[in-house]
Amino acid sequence: MSFEGQPPAKMRLLRAAAELLANSAGAPVSTRQITQLAGVSAPTLYHHFGDKEGLFDAVVSAGFEEYVAGERDFAPSGQPLVDIRRMWDNHVQFGLNQPELYLVMFGNIRPESRPAIVADAEALMEEMLNKAAAAGQLSVQPREAARSILAANVGVTLMLIAEAVVDRNLDLSTMTRDAMIYAVASDQAEQNGNETSGKSSVVVAAIALNAALQSSHSDQLSSSELKLFLEWLHRISTSSTT
């Protein structure tokens, strides 16, 4: 994790906090431990970060930047759902490579308090799923698909982190990943070969058109016409397929 470009004392605090978190095995990390390892006084920590939680937030922000870089660090294949699989695998590997940081980023959940970092991660996945929707590859709205896939991705990663390394079975990740993508992919109804495929094709088309219009900023319609049209498409695309 890079903290380059920071003032020397601030950089030492960030590195010390990251190191202590990485080696804490889930145990609490104290302000005294951080300042001793960084070789600074407690007032220096308070000056730069306000308190220990502010320092941890800065470490998490740097970790999220690294996570985002990993999610984007591949050439798009031109097949959005293939790229979603790669994003899933990158997410799991990031968690296994940096488990303590991952637990701070994604495992520190409080009731009715949704971490901003989770929303940011969902937005990153939704960005790719919008491309899948525009290509007619989704049977549900991109936002719903992103929330479902990320929830499963985080759950699998936390489960694998909790297991001993020798007992980890990455097939669990692969099976869950493929099941989640199958659940949101537009070819599901056709593969089932049932009577809902006709209506599903309408829903898929509405989702695709909705995504295309929102991403293209079309000037073919006035703002009020576009708003009404998108509302109709949203109703169609969120209608039941039964």
C-alpha atoms as a PDB file:
ATOM      1  CA  MET A   1       0.000   0.000   0.000  1.00  0.00           C
ATOM      2  CA  SER A   2       1.523   3.328  -1.037  1.00  0.00           C
ATOM      3  CA  PHE A   3       1.463   6.449   1.122  1.00  0.00           C
ATOM      4  CA  GLU A   4       3.916   8.422  -0.996  1.00  0.00           C
ATOM      5  CA  GLY A   5       3.549  12.191  -1.141  1.00  0.00           C
ATOM      6  CA  GLN A   6       2.561  12.547   2.520  1.00  0.00           C
ATOM      7  CA  PRO A   7       4.545  14.585   5.116  1.00  0.00           C
ATOM      8  CA  PRO A   8       7.153  12.347   6.838  1.00  0.00           C
ATOM      9  CA  ALA A   9       5.393  12.087  10.217  1.00  0.00           C
ATOM     10  CA  LYS A  10       2.014  11.529   8.594  1.00  0.00           C
ATOM     11  CA  MET A  11       3.469   8.836   6.317  1.00  0.00           C
ATOM     12  CA  ARG A  12       5.061   7.045   9.283  1.00  0.00           C
ATOM     13  CA  LEU A  13       1.716   7.024  11.097  1.00  0.00           C
ATOM     14  CA  LEU A  14      -0.098   5.628   8.067  1.00  0.00           C
ATOM     15  CA  ARG A  15       2.509   2.907   7.567  1.00  0.00           C
ATOM     16  CA  ALA A  16       2.535   2.030  11.257  1.00  0.00           C
ATOM     17  CA  ALA A  17      -1.259   1.754  11.404  1.00  0.00           C
ATOM     18  CA  ALA A  18      -1.347  -0.371   8.244  1.00  0.00           C
ATOM     19  CA  GLU A  19       1.378  -2.674   9.577  1.00  0.00           C
ATOM     20  CA  LEU A  20      -0.260  -3.069  12.987  1.00  0.00           C
ATOM     21  CA  LEU A  21      -3.650  -3.780  11.407  1.00  0.00           C
ATOM     22  CA  ALA A  22      -2.080  -6.360   9.104  1.00  0.00           C
ATOM     23  CA  ASN A  23      -0.447  -8.156  12.040  1.00  0.00           C
ATOM     24  CA  SER A  24      -3.183  -7.719  14.646  1.00  0.00           C
ATOM     25  CA  ALA A  25      -5.019 -10.992  13.949  1.00  0.00           C
ATOM     26  CA  GLY A  26      -8.228  -9.128  14.754  1.00  0.00           C
ATOM     27  CA  ALA A  27      -7.027  -7.765  18.115  1.00  0.00           C
ATOM     28  CA  PRO A  28      -7.513  -4.062  18.929  1.00  0.00           C
ATOM     29  CA  VAL A  29      -4.717  -1.697  17.931  1.00  0.00           C
ATOM     30  CA  SER A  30      -3.999   1.097  20.425  1.00  0.00           C
ATOM     31  CA  THR A  31      -2.929   4.672  19.855  1.00  0.00           C
ATOM     32  CA  ARG A  32       0.191   3.975  21.929  1.00  0.00           C
ATOM     33  CA  GLN A  33       1.184   1.065  19.668  1.00  0.00           C
ATOM     34  CA  ILE A  34       0.798   3.235  16.582  1.00  0.00           C
ATOM     35  CA  THR A  35       2.732   6.220  17.884  1.00  0.00           C
ATOM     36  CA  GLN A  36       5.534   4.048  19.274  1.00  0.00           C
ATOM     37  CA  LEU A  37       6.003   2.229  15.983  1.00  0.00           C
ATOM     38  CA  ALA A  38       5.826   5.490  14.020  1.00  0.00           C
ATOM     39  CA  GLY A  39       8.228   7.223  16.400  1.00  0.00           C
ATOM     40  CA  VAL A  40       5.947  10.214  16.983  1.00  0.00           C
ATOM     41  CA  SER A  41       3.923  11.602  19.869  1.00  0.00           C
ATOM     42  CA  ALA A  42       0.179  11.243  20.331  1.00  0.00           C
ATOM     43  CA  PRO A  43      -0.415  14.973  19.624  1.00  0.00           C
ATOM     44  CA  THR A  44       1.170  14.447  16.195  1.00  0.00           C
ATOM     45  CA  LEU A  45      -1.400  11.772  15.431  1.00  0.00           C
ATOM     46  CA  TYR A  46      -4.214  14.055  16.610  1.00  0.00           C
ATOM     47  CA  HIS A  47      -2.841  16.935  14.535  1.00  0.00           C
ATOM     48  CA  HIS A  48      -2.865  14.961  11.290  1.00  0.00           C
ATOM     49  CA  PHE A  49      -5.922  12.711  11.752  1.00  0.00           C
ATOM     50  CA  GLY A  50      -8.008  13.985  14.669  1.00  0.00           C
ATOM     51  CA  ASP A  51      -8.006  10.621  16.422  1.00  0.00           C
ATOM     52  CA  LYS A  52      -7.153   6.961  15.917  1.00  0.00           C
ATOM     53  CA  GLU A  53     -10.348   6.313  13.951  1.00  0.00           C
ATOM     54  CA  GLY A  54      -9.449   9.145  11.580  1.00  0.00           C
ATOM     55  CA  LEU A  55      -6.080   7.476  11.001  1.00  0.00           C
ATOM     56  CA  PHE A  56      -7.745   4.136  10.326  1.00  0.00           C
ATOM     57  CA  ASP A  57     -10.133   5.848   7.899  1.00  0.00           C
ATOM     58  CA  ALA A  58      -7.116   7.205   6.003  1.00  0.00           C
ATOM     59  CA  VAL A  59      -5.558   3.730   5.886  1.00  0.00           C
ATOM     60  CA  VAL A  60      -8.832   2.285   4.593  1.00  0.00           C
ATOM     61  CA  SER A  61      -9.080   5.032   1.953  1.00  0.00           C
ATOM     62  CA  ALA A  62      -5.597   4.153   0.714  1.00  0.00           C
ATOM     63  CA  GLY A  63      -6.567   0.479   0.745  1.00  0.00           C
ATOM     64  CA  PHE A  64      -9.693   1.230  -1.269  1.00  0.00           C
ATOM     65  CA  GLU A  65      -7.634   3.092  -3.855  1.00  0.00           C
ATOM     66  CA  GLU A  66      -5.484  -0.016  -4.170  1.00  0.00           C
ATOM     67  CA  TYR A  67      -8.625  -2.163  -4.418  1.00  0.00           C
ATOM     68  CA  VAL A  68     -10.069   0.063  -7.155  1.00  0.00           C
ATOM     69  CA  ALA A  69      -6.776  -0.056  -9.050  1.00  0.00           C
ATOM     70  CA  GLY A  70      -6.905  -3.848  -8.938  1.00  0.00           C
ATOM     71  CA  GLU A  71     -10.510  -3.884 -10.171  1.00  0.00           C
ATOM     72  CA  ARG A  72      -9.642  -1.631 -13.102  1.00  0.00           C
ATOM     73  CA  ASP A  73      -6.204  -3.048 -13.861  1.00  0.00           C
ATOM     74  CA  PHE A  74      -7.155  -5.238 -16.779  1.00  0.00           C
ATOM     75  CA  ALA A  75      -8.025  -4.625 -20.388  1.00  0.00           C
ATOM     76  CA  PRO A  76     -11.803  -4.952 -20.895  1.00  0.00           C
ATOM     77  CA  SER A  77     -12.599  -8.098 -22.825  1.00  0.00           C
ATOM     78  CA  GLY A  78     -15.583  -6.607 -24.618  1.00  0.00           C
ATOM     79  CA  GLN A  79     -17.735  -9.117 -22.729  1.00  0.00           C
ATOM     80  CA  PRO A  80     -19.033  -7.337 -19.600  1.00  0.00           C
ATOM     81  CA  LEU A  81     -20.117 -10.493 -17.758  1.00  0.00           C
ATOM     82  CA  VAL A  82     -16.677 -12.031 -18.324  1.00  0.00           C
ATOM     83  CA  ASP A  83     -15.181  -8.880 -16.836  1.00  0.00           C
ATOM     84  CA  ILE A  84     -17.563  -9.150 -13.854  1.00  0.00           C
ATOM     85  CA  ARG A  85     -16.126 -12.610 -13.195  1.00  0.00           C
ATOM     86  CA  ARG A  86     -12.647 -11.128 -13.233  1.00  0.00           C
ATOM     87  CA  MET A  87     -13.736  -8.333 -10.872  1.00  0.00           C
ATOM     88  CA  TRP A  88     -15.135 -10.962  -8.502  1.00  0.00           C
ATOM     89  CA  ASP A  89     -11.892 -12.953  -8.537  1.00  0.00           C
ATOM     90  CA  ASN A  90      -9.825  -9.771  -8.007  1.00  0.00           C
ATOM     91  CA  HIS A  91     -12.015  -8.874  -5.012  1.00  0.00           C
ATOM     92  CA  VAL A  92     -11.526 -12.276  -3.383  1.00  0.00           C
ATOM     93  CA  GLN A  93      -7.779 -12.225  -4.002  1.00  0.00           C
ATOM     94  CA  PHE A  94      -7.471  -8.729  -2.530  1.00  0.00           C
ATOM     95  CA  GLY A  95      -9.203  -9.942   0.638  1.00  0.00           C
ATOM     96  CA  LEU A  96      -7.008 -13.008   0.952  1.00  0.00           C
ATOM     97  CA  ASN A  97      -3.836 -11.006   0.324  1.00  0.00           C
ATOM     98  CA  GLN A  98      -4.692  -8.309   2.891  1.00  0.00           C
ATOM     99  CA  PRO A  99      -7.172  -9.905   5.315  1.00  0.00           C
ATOM    100  CA  GLU A 100      -6.837  -7.452   8.212  1.00  0.00           C
ATOM    101  CA  LEU A 101      -7.276  -4.442   5.955  1.00  0.00           C
ATOM    102  CA  TYR A 102     -10.191  -6.167   4.224  1.00  0.00           C
ATOM    103  CA  LEU A 103     -11.891  -6.794   7.568  1.00  0.00           C
ATOM    104  CA  VAL A 104     -11.627  -3.098   8.407  1.00  0.00           C
ATOM    105  CA  MET A 105     -12.924  -2.147   4.960  1.00  0.00           C
ATOM    106  CA  PHE A 106     -15.802  -4.609   4.556  1.00  0.00           C
ATOM    107  CA  GLY A 107     -16.248  -6.432   7.860  1.00  0.00           C
ATOM    108  CA  ASN A 108     -16.752  -3.498  10.224  1.00  0.00           C
ATOM    109  CA  ILE A 109     -20.549  -3.321   9.928  1.00  0.00           C
ATOM    110  CA  ARG A 110     -22.947  -1.672  12.375  1.00  0.00           C
ATOM    111  CA  PRO A 111     -26.758  -2.068  12.317  1.00  0.00           C
ATOM    112  CA  GLU A 112     -28.488   0.442  10.031  1.00  0.00           C
ATOM    113  CA  SER A 113     -25.185   2.080   9.146  1.00  0.00           C
ATOM    114  CA  ARG A 114     -24.071   1.368   5.596  1.00  0.00           C
ATOM    115  CA  PRO A 115     -20.348   2.121   5.122  1.00  0.00           C
ATOM    116  CA  ALA A 116     -19.581   4.550   2.315  1.00  0.00           C
ATOM    117  CA  ILE A 117     -16.899   2.174   1.075  1.00  0.00           C
ATOM    118  CA  VAL A 118     -19.535  -0.496   0.374  1.00  0.00           C
ATOM    119  CA  ALA A 119     -21.565   1.998  -1.646  1.00  0.00           C
ATOM    120  CA  ASP A 120     -18.423   2.949  -3.576  1.00  0.00           C
ATOM    121  CA  ALA A 121     -17.634  -0.701  -4.305  1.00  0.00           C
ATOM    122  CA  GLU A 122     -21.212  -1.239  -5.511  1.00  0.00           C
ATOM    123  CA  ALA A 123     -20.915   1.777  -7.797  1.00  0.00           C
ATOM    124  CA  LEU A 124     -17.744   0.318  -9.297  1.00  0.00           C
ATOM    125  CA  MET A 125     -19.509  -2.962 -10.037  1.00  0.00           C
ATOM    126  CA  GLU A 126     -22.634  -1.181 -11.285  1.00  0.00           C
ATOM    127  CA  GLU A 127     -20.467   0.708 -13.780  1.00  0.00           C
ATOM    128  CA  MET A 128     -19.502  -2.578 -15.427  1.00  0.00           C
ATOM    129  CA  LEU A 129     -23.015  -4.004 -15.155  1.00  0.00           C
ATOM    130  CA  ASN A 130     -24.403  -0.962 -16.972  1.00  0.00           C
ATOM    131  CA  LYS A 131     -22.375  -2.116 -19.965  1.00  0.00           C
ATOM    132  CA  ALA A 132     -23.882  -5.588 -19.650  1.00  0.00           C
ATOM    133  CA  ALA A 133     -27.379  -4.090 -19.462  1.00  0.00           C
ATOM    134  CA  ALA A 134     -26.813  -1.925 -22.540  1.00  0.00           C
ATOM    135  CA  ALA A 135     -25.714  -5.078 -24.388  1.00  0.00           C
ATOM    136  CA  GLY A 136     -28.959  -6.846 -23.420  1.00  0.00           C
ATOM    137  CA  GLN A 137     -27.218  -9.247 -21.045  1.00  0.00           C
ATOM    138  CA  LEU A 138     -29.123  -8.556 -17.814  1.00  0.00           C
ATOM    139  CA  SER A 139     -32.558  -9.656 -16.669  1.00  0.00           C
ATOM    140  CA  VAL A 140     -32.559  -7.276 -13.674  1.00  0.00           C
ATOM    141  CA  GLN A 141     -31.592  -3.647 -13.191  1.00  0.00           C
ATOM    142  CA  PRO A 142     -27.807  -3.034 -12.951  1.00  0.00           C
ATOM    143  CA  ARG A 143     -28.092  -1.534  -9.462  1.00  0.00           C
ATOM    144  CA  GLU A 144     -29.961  -4.557  -8.129  1.00  0.00           C
ATOM    145  CA  ALA A 145     -27.496  -6.895  -9.818  1.00  0.00           C
ATOM    146  CA  ALA A 146     -24.536  -4.971  -8.352  1.00  0.00           C
ATOM    147  CA  ARG A 147     -25.921  -5.127  -4.809  1.00  0.00           C
ATOM    148  CA  SER A 148     -26.630  -8.846  -5.070  1.00  0.00           C
ATOM    149  CA  ILE A 149     -23.284  -9.763  -6.602  1.00  0.00           C
ATOM    150  CA  LEU A 150     -21.231  -7.613  -4.216  1.00  0.00           C
ATOM    151  CA  ALA A 151     -23.098  -8.970  -1.175  1.00  0.00           C
ATOM    152  CA  ALA A 152     -22.224 -12.513  -2.246  1.00  0.00           C
ATOM    153  CA  ASN A 153     -18.657 -11.493  -3.149  1.00  0.00           C
ATOM    154  CA  VAL A 154     -18.047  -9.979   0.300  1.00  0.00           C
ATOM    155  CA  GLY A 155     -19.704 -12.912   2.052  1.00  0.00           C
ATOM    156  CA  VAL A 156     -17.563 -15.491   0.269  1.00  0.00           C
ATOM    157  CA  THR A 157     -14.389 -13.486   0.885  1.00  0.00           C
ATOM    158  CA  LEU A 158     -15.108 -13.144   4.609  1.00  0.00           C
ATOM    159  CA  MET A 159     -15.833 -16.874   4.823  1.00  0.00           C
ATOM    160  CA  LEU A 160     -12.564 -17.758   3.089  1.00  0.00           C
ATOM    161  CA  ILE A 161     -10.590 -15.365   5.297  1.00  0.00           C
ATOM    162  CA  ALA A 162     -12.049 -17.064   8.389  1.00  0.00           C
ATOM    163  CA  GLU A 163     -10.820 -20.487   7.254  1.00  0.00           C
ATOM    164  CA  ALA A 164      -7.333 -21.859   7.764  1.00  0.00           C
ATOM    165  CA  VAL A 165      -5.247 -21.423   4.623  1.00  0.00           C
ATOM    166  CA  VAL A 166      -4.825 -25.195   4.184  1.00  0.00           C
ATOM    167  CA  ASP A 167      -8.611 -25.657   4.347  1.00  0.00           C
ATOM    168  CA  ARG A 168      -9.596 -22.916   1.888  1.00  0.00           C
ATOM    169  CA  ASN A 169     -11.506 -24.173  -1.103  1.00  0.00           C
ATOM    170  CA  LEU A 170     -11.607 -21.536  -3.830  1.00  0.00           C
ATOM    171  CA  ASP A 171     -14.164 -23.656  -5.686  1.00  0.00           C
ATOM    172  CA  LEU A 172     -16.678 -22.141  -3.250  1.00  0.00           C
ATOM    173  CA  SER A 173     -15.892 -18.735  -4.713  1.00  0.00           C
ATOM    174  CA  THR A 174     -16.139 -19.984  -8.283  1.00  0.00           C
ATOM    175  CA  MET A 175     -19.482 -21.734  -7.728  1.00  0.00           C
ATOM    176  CA  THR A 176     -21.021 -18.754  -5.935  1.00  0.00           C
ATOM    177  CA  ARG A 177     -19.716 -16.326  -8.551  1.00  0.00           C
ATOM    178  CA  ASP A 178     -21.162 -18.295 -11.441  1.00  0.00           C
ATOM    179  CA  ALA A 179     -24.484 -18.829  -9.650  1.00  0.00           C
ATOM    180  CA  MET A 180     -24.860 -15.083  -9.002  1.00  0.00           C
ATOM    181  CA  ILE A 181     -24.058 -14.151 -12.591  1.00  0.00           C
ATOM    182  CA  TYR A 182     -26.423 -16.813 -13.888  1.00  0.00           C
ATOM    183  CA  ALA A 183     -29.166 -15.379 -11.669  1.00  0.00           C
ATOM    184  CA  VAL A 184     -28.939 -11.908 -13.228  1.00  0.00           C
ATOM    185  CA  ALA A 185     -28.023 -12.866 -16.799  1.00  0.00           C
ATOM    186  CA  SER A 186     -30.621 -12.398 -19.513  1.00  0.00           C
ATOM    187  CA  ASP A 187     -30.195 -15.858 -21.046  1.00  0.00           C
ATOM    188  CA  GLN A 188     -31.570 -17.577 -17.927  1.00  0.00           C
ATOM    189  CA  ALA A 189     -35.195 -17.705 -19.141  1.00  0.00           C
ATOM    190  CA  GLU A 190     -34.152 -19.021 -22.559  1.00  0.00           C
ATOM    191  CA  GLN A 191     -32.087 -21.756 -20.928  1.00  0.00           C
ATOM    192  CA  ASN A 192     -35.066 -22.708 -18.771  1.00  0.00           C
ATOM    193  CA  GLY A 193     -37.169 -22.976 -21.921  1.00  0.00           C
ATOM    194  CA  ASN A 194     -40.370 -21.979 -20.171  1.00  0.00           C
ATOM    195  CA  GLU A 195     -43.238 -19.696 -21.077  1.00  0.00           C
ATOM    196  CA  THR A 196     -41.750 -16.646 -19.362  1.00  0.00           C
ATOM    197  CA  SER A 197     -39.096 -16.226 -22.048  1.00  0.00           C
ATOM    198  CA  GLY A 198     -41.311 -13.975 -24.167  1.00  0.00           C
ATOM    199  CA  LYS A 199     -41.952 -11.532 -21.384  1.00  0.00           C
ATOM    200  CA  SER A 200     -38.341 -11.807 -20.206  1.00  0.00           C
ATOM    201  CA  SER A 201     -37.142 -10.696 -23.628  1.00  0.00           C
ATOM    202  CA  VAL A 202     -39.274  -7.551 -23.294  1.00  0.00           C
ATOM    203  CA  VAL A 203     -37.850  -6.879 -19.834  1.00  0.00           C
ATOM    204  CA  VAL A 204     -34.291  -7.425 -21.094  1.00  0.00           C
ATOM    205  CA  ALA A 205     -34.910  -5.060 -24.001  1.00  0.00           C
ATOM    206  CA  ALA A 206     -36.305  -2.400 -21.643  1.00  0.00           C
ATOM    207  CA  ILE A 207     -33.297  -2.730 -19.320  1.00  0.00           C
ATOM    208  CA  ALA A 208     -30.930  -2.459 -22.288  1.00  0.00           C
ATOM    209  CA  LEU A 209     -32.673   0.609 -23.720  1.00  0.00           C
ATOM    210  CA  ASN A 210     -32.851   2.230 -20.296  1.00  0.00           C
ATOM    211  CA  ALA A 211     -29.096   1.740 -19.766  1.00  0.00           C
ATOM    212  CA  ALA A 212     -28.260   2.951 -23.268  1.00  0.00           C
ATOM    213  CA  LEU A 213     -30.329   6.126 -22.939  1.00  0.00           C
ATOM    214  CA  GLN A 214     -28.933   7.013 -19.522  1.00  0.00           C
ATOM    215  CA  SER A 215     -25.347   6.520 -20.664  1.00  0.00           C
ATOM    216  CA  SER A 216     -25.717   8.332 -24.012  1.00  0.00           C
ATOM    217  CA  HIS A 217     -27.352  11.543 -22.719  1.00  0.00           C
ATOM    218  CA  SER A 218     -29.620  11.444 -25.742  1.00  0.00           C
ATOM    219  CA  ASP A 219     -30.734  14.820 -27.115  1.00  0.00           C
ATOM    220  CA  GLN A 220     -33.404  13.270 -29.294  1.00  0.00           C
ATOM    221  CA  LEU A 221     -36.000  13.875 -26.559  1.00  0.00           C
ATOM    222  CA  SER A 222     -36.666  16.847 -24.330  1.00  0.00           C
ATOM    223  CA  SER A 223     -35.770  16.464 -20.658  1.00  0.00           C
ATOM    224  CA  SER A 224     -39.417  15.955 -19.685  1.00  0.00           C
ATOM    225  CA  GLU A 225     -39.976  13.447 -22.513  1.00  0.00           C
ATOM    226  CA  LEU A 226     -36.816  11.544 -21.593  1.00  0.00           C
ATOM    227  CA  LYS A 227     -37.802  11.472 -17.915  1.00  0.00           C
ATOM    228  CA  LEU A 228     -41.241  10.052 -18.783  1.00  0.00           C
ATOM    229  CA  PHE A 229     -39.778   7.533 -21.229  1.00  0.00           C
ATOM    230  CA  LEU A 230     -37.234   6.332 -18.675  1.00  0.00           C
ATOM    231  CA  GLU A 231     -40.000   5.987 -16.101  1.00  0.00           C
ATOM    232  CA  TRP A 232     -41.965   3.747 -18.478  1.00  0.00           C
ATOM    233  CA  LEU A 233     -38.867   1.666 -19.214  1.00  0.00           C
ATOM    234  CA  HIS A 234     -38.165   1.330 -15.491  1.00  0.00           C
ATOM    235  CA  ARG A 235     -41.722   0.049 -14.886  1.00  0.00           C
ATOM    236  CA  ILE A 236     -41.337  -2.536 -17.635  1.00  0.00           C
ATOM    237  CA  SER A 237     -37.872  -3.631 -16.558  1.00  0.00           C
ATOM    238  CA  THR A 238     -38.877  -4.070 -12.905  1.00  0.00           C
ATOM    239  CA  SER A 239     -42.133  -5.899 -13.665  1.00  0.00           C
ATOM    240  CA  SER A 240     -42.568  -9.522 -12.631  1.00  0.00           C
ATOM    241  CA  THR A 241     -41.524 -12.151 -15.161  1.00  0.00           C
ATOM    242  CA  THR A 242     -44.031 -14.685 -13.913  1.00  0.00           C
END
